[in-house]
C-alpha atoms as a PDB file:
ATOM      1  CA  MET A   1     -10.654  -6.479  39.275  1.00  0.00           C
ATOM      2  CA  LYS A   2      -8.231  -8.698  37.343  1.00  0.00           C
ATOM      3  CA  ASN A   3     -11.218 -10.639  36.017  1.00  0.00           C
ATOM      4  CA  LEU A   4     -12.574  -7.437  34.448  1.00  0.00           C
ATOM      5  CA  ILE A   5      -9.308  -6.201  32.938  1.00  0.00           C
ATOM      6  CA  LEU A   6      -8.462  -9.355  30.980  1.00  0.00           C
ATOM      7  CA  PRO A   7     -11.699  -9.453  28.905  1.00  0.00           C
ATOM      8  CA  PHE A   8     -11.400  -5.751  28.083  1.00  0.00           C
ATOM      9  CA  LEU A   9      -7.770  -6.205  27.063  1.00  0.00           C
ATOM     10  CA  ALA A  10      -8.715  -9.127  24.815  1.00  0.00           C
ATOM     11  CA  ILE A  11     -11.510  -7.105  23.174  1.00  0.00           C
ATOM     12  CA  PHE A  12      -9.181  -4.142  22.654  1.00  0.00           C
ATOM     13  CA  LEU A  13      -6.480  -6.290  21.027  1.00  0.00           C
ATOM     14  CA  PHE A  14      -9.009  -8.038  18.791  1.00  0.00           C
ATOM     15  CA  ALA A  15     -10.548  -4.729  17.703  1.00  0.00           C
ATOM     16  CA  SER A  16      -7.185  -3.124  16.943  1.00  0.00           C
ATOM     17  CA  CYS A  17      -6.088  -6.120  14.855  1.00  0.00           C
ATOM     18  CA  GLN A  18      -9.355  -6.048  12.949  1.00  0.00           C
ATOM     19  CA  SER A  19      -9.001  -2.353  12.163  1.00  0.00           C
ATOM     20  CA  GLN A  20      -5.563  -2.910  10.645  1.00  0.00           C
ATOM     21  CA  SER A  21      -6.807  -5.425   8.099  1.00  0.00           C
ATOM     22  CA  ASN A  22      -8.822  -4.212   5.172  1.00  0.00           C
ATOM     23  CA  PRO A  23     -10.130  -6.479   2.419  1.00  0.00           C
ATOM     24  CA  LYS A  24      -9.442  -3.734  -0.148  1.00  0.00           C
ATOM     25  CA  ILE A  25      -5.699  -3.841   0.633  1.00  0.00           C
ATOM     26  CA  LYS A  26      -3.743  -6.914  -0.362  1.00  0.00           C
ATOM     27  CA  VAL A  27      -0.040  -7.415   0.360  1.00  0.00           C
ATOM     28  CA  ILE A  28       1.527  -9.927  -2.017  1.00  0.00           C
ATOM     29  CA  ALA A  29       4.956 -11.551  -2.394  1.00  0.00           C
ATOM     30  CA  PRO A  30       7.401 -10.180  -4.972  1.00  0.00           C
ATOM     31  CA  LYS A  31       7.060 -13.191  -7.280  1.00  0.00           C
ATOM     32  CA  GLU A  32       3.272 -12.781  -7.496  1.00  0.00           C
ATOM     33  CA  PHE A  33       3.587  -8.981  -7.773  1.00  0.00           C
ATOM     34  CA  LYS A  34       6.008  -9.382 -10.717  1.00  0.00           C
ATOM     35  CA  ALA A  35       3.680 -11.807 -12.450  1.00  0.00           C
ATOM     36  CA  GLN A  36       0.866  -9.274 -12.211  1.00  0.00           C
ATOM     37  CA  VAL A  37       2.739  -6.104 -13.265  1.00  0.00           C
ATOM     38  CA  VAL A  38       5.610  -6.976 -15.632  1.00  0.00           C
ATOM     39  CA  ASN A  39       4.570  -6.370 -19.247  1.00  0.00           C
ATOM     40  CA  LYS A  40       0.992  -5.731 -18.129  1.00  0.00           C
ATOM     41  CA  ASP A  41      -1.149  -2.617 -18.532  1.00  0.00           C
ATOM     42  CA  VAL A  42      -1.715  -1.856 -14.845  1.00  0.00           C
ATOM     43  CA  GLN A  43      -1.745   1.160 -12.572  1.00  0.00           C
ATOM     44  CA  LEU A  44       1.680   0.883 -10.916  1.00  0.00           C
ATOM     45  CA  VAL A  45       2.692   3.520  -8.378  1.00  0.00           C
ATOM     46  CA  ASP A  46       5.962   4.071  -6.547  1.00  0.00           C
ATOM     47  CA  VAL A  47       5.145   6.090  -3.408  1.00  0.00           C
ATOM     48  CA  ARG A  48       8.777   6.906  -2.532  1.00  0.00           C
ATOM     49  CA  THR A  49      10.464  10.287  -2.896  1.00  0.00           C
ATOM     50  CA  PRO A  50      11.501  11.490  -6.369  1.00  0.00           C
ATOM     51  CA  GLN A  51      15.144  11.036  -5.353  1.00  0.00           C
ATOM     52  CA  GLU A  52      14.574   7.385  -4.425  1.00  0.00           C
ATOM     53  CA  PHE A  53      12.601   6.878  -7.623  1.00  0.00           C
ATOM     54  CA  GLN A  54      15.483   8.247  -9.739  1.00  0.00           C
ATOM     55  CA  GLU A  55      17.895   5.811  -8.079  1.00  0.00           C
ATOM     56  CA  GLY A  56      15.876   2.861  -9.374  1.00  0.00           C
ATOM     57  CA  ALA A  57      12.260   1.872  -9.886  1.00  0.00           C
ATOM     58  CA  ILE A  58      10.063  -0.820 -11.393  1.00  0.00           C
ATOM     59  CA  ALA A  59       9.588  -0.249 -15.124  1.00  0.00           C
ATOM     60  CA  HIS A  60       6.521   1.809 -16.060  1.00  0.00           C
ATOM     61  CA  ALA A  61       5.838   2.866 -12.462  1.00  0.00           C
ATOM     62  CA  LYS A  62       4.490   6.336 -11.828  1.00  0.00           C
ATOM     63  CA  ASN A  63       6.076   8.227  -8.940  1.00  0.00           C
ATOM     64  CA  ILE A  64       3.516   9.723  -6.535  1.00  0.00           C
ATOM     65  CA  ASN A  65       5.282  10.544  -3.260  1.00  0.00           C
ATOM     66  CA  VAL A  66       3.082   9.644  -0.275  1.00  0.00           C
ATOM     67  CA  ASN A  67       4.814  12.321   1.803  1.00  0.00           C
ATOM     68  CA  ASP A  68       4.036  15.073  -0.712  1.00  0.00           C
ATOM     69  CA  ALA A  69       1.374  17.584   0.299  1.00  0.00           C
ATOM     70  CA  LYS A  70      -0.459  16.876  -2.977  1.00  0.00           C
ATOM     71  CA  PHE A  71      -0.454  13.074  -2.606  1.00  0.00           C
ATOM     72  CA  LYS A  72      -4.235  12.813  -2.231  1.00  0.00           C
ATOM     73  CA  GLU A  73      -4.821  15.125  -5.180  1.00  0.00           C
ATOM     74  CA  ASN A  74      -2.363  13.250  -7.417  1.00  0.00           C
ATOM     75  CA  ILE A  75      -3.381   9.711  -6.448  1.00  0.00           C
ATOM     76  CA  ALA A  76      -7.066  10.589  -6.947  1.00  0.00           C
ATOM     77  CA  LYS A  77      -6.368  11.016 -10.682  1.00  0.00           C
ATOM     78  CA  LEU A  78      -6.052   7.229 -11.008  1.00  0.00           C
ATOM     79  CA  ASP A  79      -9.005   4.972 -11.810  1.00  0.00           C
ATOM     80  CA  LYS A  80     -10.479   4.001  -8.437  1.00  0.00           C
ATOM     81  CA  LYS A  81     -12.356   1.046  -9.893  1.00  0.00           C
ATOM     82  CA  LYS A  82      -9.227  -0.687 -11.266  1.00  0.00           C
ATOM     83  CA  PRO A  83      -6.564  -2.320  -9.061  1.00  0.00           C
ATOM     84  CA  VAL A  84      -3.617  -0.105  -8.165  1.00  0.00           C
ATOM     85  CA  TYR A  85      -0.245  -1.748  -7.491  1.00  0.00           C
ATOM     86  CA  ILE A  86       1.922   0.205  -5.077  1.00  0.00           C
ATOM     87  CA  TYR A  87       5.317  -0.065  -3.456  1.00  0.00           C
ATOM     88  CA  CYS A  88       7.828   1.910  -1.434  1.00  0.00           C
ATOM     89  CA  ARG A  89      11.308   1.057  -0.181  1.00  0.00           C
ATOM     90  CA  SER A  90      10.432  -1.547   2.451  1.00  0.00           C
ATOM     91  CA  GLY A  91       6.653  -1.579   2.917  1.00  0.00           C
ATOM     92  CA  GLY A  92       5.859   1.053   5.540  1.00  0.00           C
ATOM     93  CA  ARG A  93       5.001   4.051   3.374  1.00  0.00           C
ATOM     94  CA  SER A  94       3.042   1.920   0.930  1.00  0.00           C
ATOM     95  CA  GLN A  95       0.792   0.749   3.768  1.00  0.00           C
ATOM     96  CA  THR A  96       0.191   4.386   4.697  1.00  0.00           C
ATOM     97  CA  ALA A  97      -0.582   5.155   1.050  1.00  0.00           C
ATOM     98  CA  ALA A  98      -2.908   2.142   0.766  1.00  0.00           C
ATOM     99  CA  LYS A  99      -4.967   3.284   3.753  1.00  0.00           C
ATOM    100  CA  ILE A 100      -5.271   6.794   2.330  1.00  0.00           C
ATOM    101  CA  MET A 101      -6.294   5.360  -1.037  1.00  0.00           C
ATOM    102  CA  VAL A 102      -9.022   3.190   0.469  1.00  0.00           C
ATOM    103  CA  ASP A 103     -10.313   6.232   2.365  1.00  0.00           C
ATOM    104  CA  LEU A 104     -10.437   8.059  -0.995  1.00  0.00           C
ATOM    105  CA  GLY A 105     -12.584   5.297  -2.481  1.00  0.00           C
ATOM    106  CA  PHE A 106     -10.115   2.982  -4.231  1.00  0.00           C
ATOM    107  CA  GLU A 107     -11.593  -0.493  -4.515  1.00  0.00           C
ATOM    108  CA  GLN A 108      -8.405  -2.579  -4.639  1.00  0.00           C
ATOM    109  CA  VAL A 109      -4.850  -1.699  -3.634  1.00  0.00           C
ATOM    110  CA  ILE A 110      -2.124  -4.312  -4.068  1.00  0.00           C
ATOM    111  CA  ASP A 111       1.067  -3.692  -2.089  1.00  0.00           C
ATOM    112  CA  LEU A 112       4.479  -5.250  -2.793  1.00  0.00           C
ATOM    113  CA  GLN A 113       5.524  -7.184   0.320  1.00  0.00           C
ATOM    114  CA  GLY A 114       8.837  -5.812   1.595  1.00  0.00           C
ATOM    115  CA  GLY A 115       8.837  -3.025  -0.975  1.00  0.00           C
ATOM    116  CA  TYR A 116      11.433  -2.288  -3.660  1.00  0.00           C
ATOM    117  CA  MET A 117      14.127  -3.851  -1.474  1.00  0.00           C
ATOM    118  CA  ASN A 118      12.518  -7.257  -2.212  1.00  0.00           C
ATOM    119  CA  TRP A 119      11.972  -6.602  -5.928  1.00  0.00           C
ATOM    120  CA  ASN A 120      15.257  -8.029  -7.232  1.00  0.00           C
END
C-alpha cells in the first residue's frame, strides 16, 4: 500500500506546482520593475484598496481594487495585448489579480515581487 501512495503523492505535488506557474505571469524584483515602469508609458495598476492607494502609490499607477465587485469589469478595460504591471501591498492580492487577468485573456502580467512594501 505504501508503494502506491508515494507515487500518487509525487504526481499530486508535481501537478499542483505546475498549476501555480503560468508563463503569462511574471514576478520581477523591484529594481527591474522600476526600470520598466518609471518614466515609461505602461499600463501600471495598483490592486490595493482606495485607502491604501491614497496613503502612497507608484507614480502614474491606476487604482483598480482586486477586492471590488467590479474588478473584472474595470480591469477588462485595459489593453489585453500589452503588458500590464501590477502590485499590491506585499504580493498576495496581486497574484490573485494576475490569475484573474490571465483568465480574462491578458497576454502578459508583470507583478512586483514583494509588492509596494519593497518599492522604496
